[in-house]
Structure formats: structure tokens, C-alpha cells
Amino acid sequence: MKQAIVRLVVLVILLVNQTLITLGWNPLPFSEEQIYEAISSVATVAMAVWAWWKNNSVTKEAQKADVILREMKEANRNEN
């Protein structure tokens, strides 16, 4: 539900912006390069946070623990 609302709001903003541009008025005082840089920065930060947050098992011990955890979860699912 939240995603649908966000998509609708973004669509409305973009439609209003496009209409105003068509009428000869640019409501967003940013150049295309500035917009590209901002989107690129946000994407970089988002990916960095995602990579940091994601459980990345690097050591052999962590990989073994992941296997044990998966086996426990599977056994728990089979019991229910």
C-alpha cells in the first residue's frame, strides 16, 4: 500500500512538472547534471548501506554458522 502511494505521489509531481515545462516554466531550478549527480550519490549511499546491512559471511566459521542456521530453520518449518 505504501509503495502504491509513493508511486502515485511521484507520478503526480512528475506530471505537474512536465506540464509546467510544456507551458514554458521550469519549476525545478536544477540542471540535468545536478540531478544526475544527486541520484548517483543517493544510489551509492543506498548500495553502501545495503551492503553493510546484508549478512556477508566471509570467514569459514561464519559460513558454517549460516549452514547450521539454515538447517535449523528448515527443521523448524518441517515441524510446523
C-alpha atoms as a PDB file:
ATOM      1  CA  MET A   1       0.000   0.000   0.000  1.00  0.00           C
ATOM      2  CA  LYS A   2       2.791   2.426   0.909  1.00  0.00           C
ATOM      3  CA  GLN A   3       4.612   1.695  -2.339  1.00  0.00           C
ATOM      4  CA  ALA A   4       1.497   2.443  -4.365  1.00  0.00           C
ATOM      5  CA  ILE A   5       1.041   5.776  -2.601  1.00  0.00           C
ATOM      6  CA  VAL A   6       4.689   6.725  -3.142  1.00  0.00           C
ATOM      7  CA  ARG A   7       4.452   5.819  -6.835  1.00  0.00           C
ATOM      8  CA  LEU A   8       1.261   7.879  -7.184  1.00  0.00           C
ATOM      9  CA  VAL A   9       2.786  10.928  -5.474  1.00  0.00           C
ATOM     10  CA  VAL A  10       5.935  10.746  -7.610  1.00  0.00           C
ATOM     11  CA  LEU A  11       3.817  10.373 -10.752  1.00  0.00           C
ATOM     12  CA  VAL A  12       1.711  13.428  -9.846  1.00  0.00           C
ATOM     13  CA  ILE A  13       4.837  15.506  -9.167  1.00  0.00           C
ATOM     14  CA  LEU A  14       6.359  14.453 -12.482  1.00  0.00           C
ATOM     15  CA  LEU A  15       3.139  15.163 -14.395  1.00  0.00           C
ATOM     16  CA  VAL A  16       2.827  18.632 -12.858  1.00  0.00           C
ATOM     17  CA  ASN A  17       6.494  19.301 -13.607  1.00  0.00           C
ATOM     18  CA  GLN A  18       6.143  18.161 -17.225  1.00  0.00           C
ATOM     19  CA  THR A  19       3.020  20.268 -17.704  1.00  0.00           C
ATOM     20  CA  LEU A  20       4.766  23.365 -16.359  1.00  0.00           C
ATOM     21  CA  ILE A  21       7.792  22.740 -18.602  1.00  0.00           C
ATOM     22  CA  THR A  22       5.452  22.421 -21.593  1.00  0.00           C
ATOM     23  CA  LEU A  23       3.928  25.785 -20.653  1.00  0.00           C
ATOM     24  CA  GLY A  24       7.407  27.340 -20.675  1.00  0.00           C
ATOM     25  CA  TRP A  25       8.202  27.453 -16.975  1.00  0.00           C
ATOM     26  CA  ASN A  26      10.836  25.233 -15.370  1.00  0.00           C
ATOM     27  CA  PRO A  27       9.776  24.786 -11.727  1.00  0.00           C
ATOM     28  CA  LEU A  28      12.873  22.791 -10.749  1.00  0.00           C
ATOM     29  CA  PRO A  29      15.900  25.094 -10.673  1.00  0.00           C
ATOM     30  CA  PHE A  30      18.387  22.248 -11.259  1.00  0.00           C
ATOM     31  CA  SER A  31      20.426  21.323 -14.284  1.00  0.00           C
ATOM     32  CA  GLU A  32      20.353  17.786 -15.643  1.00  0.00           C
ATOM     33  CA  GLU A  33      23.930  17.311 -14.437  1.00  0.00           C
ATOM     34  CA  GLN A  34      22.998  18.303 -10.875  1.00  0.00           C
ATOM     35  CA  ILE A  35      20.050  15.897 -10.904  1.00  0.00           C
ATOM     36  CA  TYR A  36      22.278  13.093 -12.240  1.00  0.00           C
ATOM     37  CA  GLU A  37      24.890  13.743  -9.541  1.00  0.00           C
ATOM     38  CA  ALA A  38      22.241  13.747  -6.800  1.00  0.00           C
ATOM     39  CA  ILE A  39      20.663  10.496  -7.993  1.00  0.00           C
ATOM     40  CA  SER A  40      24.081   8.902  -8.348  1.00  0.00           C
ATOM     41  CA  SER A  41      25.021   9.946  -4.809  1.00  0.00           C
ATOM     42  CA  VAL A  42      21.772   8.633  -3.346  1.00  0.00           C
ATOM     43  CA  ALA A  43      22.187   5.322  -5.197  1.00  0.00           C
ATOM     44  CA  THR A  44      25.774   4.990  -3.954  1.00  0.00           C
ATOM     45  CA  VAL A  45      24.780   5.624  -0.349  1.00  0.00           C
ATOM     46  CA  ALA A  46      21.826   3.232  -0.620  1.00  0.00           C
ATOM     47  CA  MET A  47      24.009   0.449  -2.004  1.00  0.00           C
ATOM     48  CA  ALA A  48      26.672   1.066   0.649  1.00  0.00           C
ATOM     49  CA  VAL A  49      24.083   0.814   3.432  1.00  0.00           C
ATOM     50  CA  TRP A  50      22.563  -2.312   1.863  1.00  0.00           C
ATOM     51  CA  ALA A  51      25.976  -3.977   1.502  1.00  0.00           C
ATOM     52  CA  TRP A  52      26.847  -3.080   5.092  1.00  0.00           C
ATOM     53  CA  TRP A  53      23.494  -4.285   6.443  1.00  0.00           C
ATOM     54  CA  LYS A  54      23.419  -7.540   4.487  1.00  0.00           C
ATOM     55  CA  ASN A  55      24.795 -10.549   6.320  1.00  0.00           C
ATOM     56  CA  ASN A  56      28.000 -11.309   4.422  1.00  0.00           C
ATOM     57  CA  SER A  57      29.623 -14.393   5.899  1.00  0.00           C
ATOM     58  CA  VAL A  58      33.274 -14.202   4.956  1.00  0.00           C
ATOM     59  CA  THR A  59      35.039 -16.477   7.437  1.00  0.00           C
ATOM     60  CA  LYS A  60      34.758 -20.289   7.419  1.00  0.00           C
ATOM     61  CA  GLU A  61      33.170 -20.154  10.886  1.00  0.00           C
ATOM     62  CA  ALA A  62      30.504 -17.710   9.746  1.00  0.00           C
ATOM     63  CA  GLN A  63      29.744 -19.844   6.687  1.00  0.00           C
ATOM     64  CA  LYS A  64      29.370 -22.933   8.904  1.00  0.00           C
ATOM     65  CA  ALA A  65      27.073 -20.969  11.222  1.00  0.00           C
ATOM     66  CA  ASP A  66      24.929 -19.993   8.215  1.00  0.00           C
ATOM     67  CA  VAL A  67      24.597 -23.658   7.215  1.00  0.00           C
ATOM     68  CA  ILE A  68      23.586 -24.619  10.752  1.00  0.00           C
ATOM     69  CA  LEU A  69      21.080 -21.763  10.901  1.00  0.00           C
ATOM     70  CA  ARG A  70      19.520 -22.786   7.562  1.00  0.00           C
ATOM     71  CA  GLU A  71      19.255 -26.394   8.765  1.00  0.00           C
ATOM     72  CA  MET A  72      17.593 -25.259  11.989  1.00  0.00           C
ATOM     73  CA  LYS A  73      15.129 -23.069  10.111  1.00  0.00           C
ATOM     74  CA  GLU A  74      14.309 -25.912   7.720  1.00  0.00           C
ATOM     75  CA  ALA A  75      13.787 -28.326  10.626  1.00  0.00           C
ATOM     76  CA  ASN A  76      11.516 -25.759  12.314  1.00  0.00           C
ATOM     77  CA  ARG A  77       9.448 -25.374   9.115  1.00  0.00           C
ATOM     78  CA  ASN A  78       9.067 -29.140   8.819  1.00  0.00           C
ATOM     79  CA  GLU A  79       7.818 -29.391  12.422  1.00  0.00           C
ATOM     80  CA  ASN A  80       5.027 -26.889  11.779  1.00  0.00           C
END
